Amino acid sequence: MQYLFFALLFVFGSAVGSFLNVVIMRYKPSEKLMDLRSIGGHSHCPACGKALSPFELIPLASFFFLGRKCGTCRAKISWQYPFVEFLSGAIFVILPLFLNTFFNVSTLSFVSFTSPHWYYALVLAWIVVFLSWLILWAIDARHLVIPNGLNLFLFLLGAIITGIVATHVHELFPFRTSFLENYALLFSPFQNPVANHVMGSLFGGLLFLILFLASGGRGIGRGDVKLAFAAGLVLGWPDIGFVFIISFIVGGVWGAFLYFSKKKKMRDRLAFGPFFALGFLVTVFFGQAIVAGYFSFLGI
């Protein structure tokens, strides 16, 4: 029963990913993210403009059945389509399983739907957060811009997550208000979830604002500053600090590789959103294990 449930979740998630691809591919920096004039209407081949048949719209499967080519003009289809669909499906399966283990609200099966209603609202909010990061990663990589609407939406999700956790903190296992778990006590002066989330937002946003002003907007863009405020509220302190460490390290290594391989020049812009998204993912799923391994290496 559980395998069937999660298989259906993956299928539903990949279908959601198909819609996300529409939003990503039709987005124009001069328009709103969810502009109905852009995302409305039938799906069509971006090369020849022919409307796609239902057979050509099956998530994941159509891409491989068609041999990665349009059925009409034979133009190649971007790997982004199955990649986003697969990741979206994986989010709907992996995230609930992970959060069920992390929060451990109920010893009963997640599929039994016997956990408190607020817990399912929390899981849903986190799913939407990761889907938003997926959109953000793709759009920033394509256009070097982070839509204001997406930043505002993430900020609202952060407020919802903060409210749910703060309201039901006494029903959670100890140290489950941070993905760094007990190590959060070493870095945070607060035990209150609201204070930590507000501190995370202020720390992230003000740090990026300083970097933006110091670099004259060349190193960090305005969208990155707004994203730091939003991401800080979603994760809270000290998790957002860990996100910065991971994203700056990975971004620096990748930037150095592009520079020394002569694929980028020092003055060329580099999208920071994908590295931010990677740092967010690593912090949520592996933050506690990495910090534990680091202190173990130091013999602490």
Protein backbone atom coordinates (compact mmCIF):
# COMPACT_ATOMS: atom_id res chain seq x y z
CA MET A 1 0.00 0.00 0.00
CA GLN A 2 2.75 2.45 0.92
CA TYR A 3 4.70 1.72 -2.28
CA LEU A 4 1.59 2.37 -4.36
CA PHE A 5 0.88 5.59 -2.45
CA PHE A 6 4.37 6.96 -3.05
CA ALA A 7 4.34 5.81 -6.67
CA LEU A 8 1.16 7.83 -7.18
CA LEU A 9 2.79 10.75 -5.36
CA PHE A 10 5.72 10.60 -7.78
CA VAL A 11 3.40 10.53 -10.80
CA PHE A 12 1.44 13.50 -9.43
CA GLY A 13 4.68 15.34 -8.63
CA SER A 14 6.06 14.79 -12.13
CA ALA A 15 2.80 16.18 -13.55
CA VAL A 16 3.29 19.25 -11.35
CA GLY A 17 6.83 19.43 -12.73
CA SER A 18 5.38 19.53 -16.24
CA PHE A 19 3.45 22.65 -15.26
CA LEU A 20 6.57 24.11 -13.65
CA ASN A 21 8.35 23.69 -16.99
CA VAL A 22 5.64 25.78 -18.63
CA VAL A 23 6.17 28.53 -16.04
CA ILE A 24 9.96 28.36 -16.44
CA MET A 25 10.12 28.23 -20.23
CA ARG A 26 7.52 30.95 -20.80
CA TYR A 27 8.83 33.33 -18.17
CA LYS A 28 10.00 36.72 -19.41
CA PRO A 29 11.92 39.06 -17.07
CA SER A 30 9.74 41.94 -18.19
CA GLU A 31 6.55 40.14 -17.05
CA LYS A 32 5.17 38.71 -13.84
CA LEU A 33 6.04 35.11 -13.00
CA MET A 34 2.44 33.88 -13.18
CA ASP A 35 1.29 36.06 -16.06
CA LEU A 36 -1.74 34.24 -17.49
CA ARG A 37 -1.03 35.67 -20.93
CA SER A 38 2.24 33.75 -20.95
CA ILE A 39 1.44 30.52 -19.14
CA GLY A 40 -2.10 30.18 -20.49
CA GLY A 41 -3.05 28.34 -23.67
CA HIS A 42 -2.06 24.97 -25.09
CA SER A 43 1.47 23.64 -24.79
CA HIS A 44 3.35 23.84 -28.06
CA CYS A 45 6.72 23.11 -29.58
CA PRO A 46 8.99 26.15 -29.01
CA ALA A 47 10.62 25.54 -32.41
CA CYS A 48 7.69 25.07 -34.83
CA GLY A 49 4.81 26.26 -32.64
CA LYS A 50 2.62 23.19 -33.23
CA ALA A 51 0.23 22.37 -30.37
CA LEU A 52 1.29 19.20 -28.56
CA SER A 53 -0.98 16.16 -28.41
CA PRO A 54 -1.83 14.41 -25.11
CA PHE A 55 0.67 11.67 -26.06
CA GLU A 56 3.41 14.31 -26.26
CA LEU A 57 2.55 15.72 -22.83
CA ILE A 58 3.04 12.61 -20.66
CA PRO A 59 5.58 13.62 -17.97
CA LEU A 60 8.98 11.94 -18.41
CA ALA A 61 7.68 9.21 -20.74
CA SER A 62 6.99 11.44 -23.79
CA PHE A 63 10.53 12.79 -23.78
CA PHE A 64 12.00 9.32 -24.22
CA PHE A 65 9.25 7.90 -26.46
CA LEU A 66 9.81 10.77 -28.90
CA GLY A 67 13.59 10.30 -28.85
CA ARG A 68 14.13 13.79 -27.44
CA LYS A 69 12.73 15.35 -30.61
CA CYS A 70 9.54 17.16 -31.58
CA GLY A 71 7.17 14.75 -33.33
CA THR A 72 6.53 17.32 -36.08
CA CYS A 73 9.68 19.33 -36.84
CA ARG A 74 12.17 16.94 -35.17
CA ALA A 75 13.78 19.80 -33.25
CA LYS A 76 15.64 18.62 -30.16
CA ILE A 77 13.86 18.90 -26.80
CA SER A 78 15.82 20.30 -23.87
CA TRP A 79 16.87 17.91 -21.11
CA GLN A 80 15.44 20.48 -18.70
CA TYR A 81 11.93 19.07 -19.26
CA PRO A 82 12.49 15.55 -17.86
CA PHE A 83 14.98 16.88 -15.30
CA VAL A 84 12.46 19.27 -13.74
CA GLU A 85 9.68 16.65 -13.94
CA PHE A 86 11.83 14.03 -12.23
CA LEU A 87 12.99 16.40 -9.48
CA SER A 88 9.43 17.56 -8.87
CA GLY A 89 8.27 13.96 -8.54
CA ALA A 90 11.19 13.19 -6.22
CA ILE A 91 10.30 16.18 -4.02
CA PHE A 92 6.78 14.81 -3.50
CA VAL A 93 8.19 11.45 -2.40
CA ILE A 94 11.49 12.13 -0.63
CA LEU A 95 10.53 15.25 1.32
CA PRO A 96 7.52 13.77 3.17
CA LEU A 97 9.57 10.68 4.08
CA PHE A 98 12.45 12.82 5.33
CA LEU A 99 10.24 15.21 7.30
CA ASN A 100 8.33 12.32 8.86
CA THR A 101 11.62 10.95 10.16
CA PHE A 102 12.97 14.35 11.15
CA PHE A 103 9.97 15.69 13.05
CA ASN A 104 8.82 12.26 14.25
CA VAL A 105 5.47 13.73 15.19
CA SER A 106 3.83 10.33 15.10
CA THR A 107 5.18 6.79 15.22
CA LEU A 108 2.35 5.83 12.90
CA SER A 109 2.78 5.59 9.15
CA PHE A 110 2.67 8.82 7.17
CA VAL A 111 0.29 7.11 4.78
CA SER A 112 -2.21 6.36 7.54
CA PHE A 113 -3.07 10.07 7.83
CA THR A 114 -3.32 9.82 11.60
CA SER A 115 -0.78 12.53 12.41
CA PRO A 116 -2.07 15.97 13.47
CA HIS A 117 -3.56 18.09 10.68
CA TRP A 118 -1.08 20.89 11.27
CA TYR A 119 1.75 18.46 10.50
CA TYR A 120 0.41 17.79 6.99
CA ALA A 121 0.12 21.54 6.45
CA LEU A 122 3.78 21.85 7.46
CA VAL A 123 4.83 19.10 5.04
CA LEU A 124 2.83 20.70 2.23
CA ALA A 125 4.45 24.08 2.93
CA TRP A 126 7.91 22.51 2.69
CA ILE A 127 7.01 20.77 -0.57
CA VAL A 128 5.95 24.12 -2.04
CA VAL A 129 9.19 25.69 -0.76
CA PHE A 130 11.29 23.13 -2.63
CA LEU A 131 9.18 23.47 -5.77
CA SER A 132 9.74 27.23 -5.58
CA TRP A 133 13.50 26.66 -5.33
CA LEU A 134 13.28 24.43 -8.41
CA ILE A 135 11.63 27.23 -10.39
CA LEU A 136 14.12 29.75 -9.02
CA TRP A 137 17.12 27.59 -9.95
CA ALA A 138 15.97 27.19 -13.56
CA ILE A 139 14.93 30.81 -14.13
CA ASP A 140 18.07 32.31 -12.59
CA ALA A 141 20.25 29.92 -14.61
CA ARG A 142 18.45 30.96 -17.82
CA HIS A 143 17.92 34.68 -17.29
CA LEU A 144 20.27 35.71 -14.44
CA VAL A 145 17.27 37.11 -12.61
CA ILE A 146 15.17 36.09 -9.62
CA PRO A 147 11.50 37.12 -9.99
CA ASN A 148 10.20 39.43 -7.26
CA GLY A 149 7.01 37.41 -7.06
CA LEU A 150 8.96 34.26 -6.24
CA ASN A 151 10.91 36.02 -3.48
CA LEU A 152 7.69 37.36 -1.97
CA PHE A 153 6.07 33.91 -2.20
CA LEU A 154 9.03 32.30 -0.40
CA PHE A 155 8.83 34.99 2.29
CA LEU A 156 5.13 34.20 2.84
CA LEU A 157 5.92 30.48 3.02
CA GLY A 158 8.60 31.28 5.59
CA ALA A 159 6.02 33.11 7.69
CA ILE A 160 3.63 30.13 7.45
CA ILE A 161 6.33 27.61 8.42
CA THR A 162 7.48 29.81 11.30
CA GLY A 163 3.91 30.15 12.57
CA ILE A 164 3.22 26.40 12.42
CA VAL A 165 6.47 25.43 14.16
CA ALA A 166 6.15 28.14 16.82
CA THR A 167 2.53 27.19 17.57
CA HIS A 168 3.27 23.47 17.90
CA VAL A 169 6.87 23.52 19.12
CA HIS A 170 5.96 21.57 22.28
CA GLU A 171 4.65 18.70 20.13
CA LEU A 172 7.95 18.29 18.30
CA PHE A 173 10.89 16.17 19.37
CA PRO A 174 13.69 18.19 21.06
CA PHE A 175 15.99 20.14 18.71
CA ARG A 176 13.61 19.82 15.76
CA THR A 177 13.19 23.54 15.11
CA SER A 178 16.53 23.55 13.23
CA PHE A 179 17.88 21.13 10.66
CA LEU A 180 21.20 21.34 12.48
CA GLU A 181 19.32 19.84 15.43
CA ASN A 182 21.25 20.00 18.75
CA TYR A 183 24.19 21.85 17.16
CA ALA A 184 21.92 24.88 16.73
CA LEU A 185 22.35 25.49 20.47
CA LEU A 186 26.02 26.32 19.86
CA PHE A 187 25.25 29.13 17.43
CA SER A 188 21.90 30.60 18.45
CA PRO A 189 21.28 32.84 21.48
CA PHE A 190 17.54 32.11 21.24
CA GLN A 191 15.43 29.06 21.96
CA ASN A 192 12.30 30.68 20.53
CA PRO A 193 11.51 29.57 16.92
CA VAL A 194 10.06 32.96 15.97
CA ALA A 195 13.16 34.79 17.19
CA ASN A 196 15.44 32.39 15.30
CA HIS A 197 13.49 32.73 12.05
CA VAL A 198 13.37 36.51 12.28
CA MET A 199 17.09 36.57 13.10
CA GLY A 200 17.76 34.32 10.10
CA SER A 201 15.88 36.68 7.79
CA LEU A 202 17.67 39.77 9.11
CA PHE A 203 21.09 38.12 9.08
CA GLY A 204 20.71 36.78 5.54
CA GLY A 205 19.17 39.90 4.07
CA LEU A 206 21.52 42.40 5.73
CA LEU A 207 24.61 40.33 4.87
CA PHE A 208 23.65 40.22 1.21
CA LEU A 209 22.70 43.90 1.28
CA ILE A 210 26.20 44.74 2.52
CA LEU A 211 27.74 42.56 -0.21
CA PHE A 212 25.49 44.21 -2.80
CA LEU A 213 26.50 47.71 -1.73
CA ALA A 214 30.18 46.81 -1.39
CA SER A 215 30.33 45.29 -4.89
CA GLY A 216 28.19 47.96 -6.51
CA GLY A 217 25.74 45.27 -7.57
CA ARG A 218 28.35 43.34 -9.54
CA GLY A 219 28.90 40.49 -7.08
CA ILE A 220 25.38 40.21 -5.64
CA GLY A 221 22.19 41.33 -7.36
CA ARG A 222 19.07 42.90 -5.87
CA GLY A 223 17.17 39.68 -6.40
CA ASP A 224 19.76 37.81 -4.34
CA VAL A 225 19.31 40.28 -1.48
CA LYS A 226 15.55 39.78 -1.48
CA LEU A 227 16.04 36.02 -1.71
CA ALA A 228 18.34 36.07 1.33
CA PHE A 229 15.66 37.81 3.41
CA ALA A 230 13.08 35.21 2.29
CA ALA A 231 15.33 32.14 2.66
CA GLY A 232 16.44 33.33 6.09
CA LEU A 233 12.84 33.45 7.26
CA VAL A 234 12.12 29.98 5.84
CA LEU A 235 15.10 28.29 7.52
CA GLY A 236 15.89 30.56 10.42
CA TRP A 237 19.17 30.99 12.25
CA PRO A 238 21.69 29.30 12.33
CA ASP A 239 20.61 27.19 9.32
CA ILE A 240 20.78 30.13 6.91
CA GLY A 241 24.41 30.72 7.91
CA PHE A 242 25.21 27.14 6.91
CA VAL A 243 23.44 27.73 3.57
CA PHE A 244 25.72 30.69 2.90
CA ILE A 245 28.85 28.69 3.69
CA ILE A 246 27.89 25.87 1.32
CA SER A 247 26.70 28.15 -1.48
CA PHE A 248 29.75 30.43 -1.35
CA ILE A 249 32.16 27.48 -1.34
CA VAL A 250 30.47 25.71 -4.25
CA GLY A 251 29.93 28.96 -6.15
CA GLY A 252 33.56 29.98 -5.64
CA VAL A 253 34.89 26.62 -6.83
CA TRP A 254 32.61 26.62 -9.88
CA GLY A 255 33.46 30.23 -10.71
CA ALA A 256 37.20 29.46 -10.46
CA PHE A 257 36.75 26.45 -12.75
CA LEU A 258 34.94 28.55 -15.37
CA TYR A 259 37.60 31.28 -15.13
CA PHE A 260 40.66 29.04 -15.42
CA SER A 261 39.03 27.00 -18.20
CA LYS A 262 38.47 30.35 -19.96
CA LYS A 263 34.73 29.82 -20.23
CA LYS A 264 34.06 32.96 -18.18
CA LYS A 265 35.88 36.19 -17.63
CA MET A 266 36.30 37.85 -14.25
CA ARG A 267 33.76 40.54 -15.09
CA ASP A 268 31.13 38.09 -16.40
CA ARG A 269 28.01 37.59 -14.30
CA LEU A 270 27.30 34.24 -12.71
CA ALA A 271 23.88 33.17 -11.46
CA PHE A 272 24.04 32.73 -7.69
CA GLY A 273 20.52 31.31 -7.31
CA PRO A 274 21.48 27.71 -8.26
CA PHE A 275 24.27 27.68 -5.66
CA PHE A 276 21.89 29.15 -3.09
CA ALA A 277 19.39 26.39 -3.91
CA LEU A 278 22.08 23.73 -3.54
CA GLY A 279 23.16 25.15 -0.19
CA PHE A 280 19.53 25.13 0.96
CA LEU A 281 19.10 21.48 -0.06
CA VAL A 282 22.37 20.36 1.58
CA THR A 283 21.49 22.17 4.81
CA VAL A 284 18.05 20.60 5.09
CA PHE A 285 19.05 17.03 4.30
CA PHE A 286 22.68 16.83 5.43
CA GLY A 287 23.37 19.87 7.64
CA GLN A 288 23.35 18.04 10.96
CA ALA A 289 25.49 15.16 9.63
CA ILE A 290 28.08 17.53 8.15
CA VAL A 291 28.39 19.57 11.35
CA ALA A 292 28.62 16.37 13.39
CA GLY A 293 31.34 15.05 11.10
CA TYR A 294 33.23 18.33 11.33
CA PHE A 295 33.24 18.36 15.13
CA SER A 296 34.16 14.68 15.17
CA PHE A 297 37.13 15.43 12.89
CA LEU A 298 38.25 18.13 15.32
CA GLY A 299 37.84 15.68 18.19
CA ILE A 300 35.20 17.81 19.89
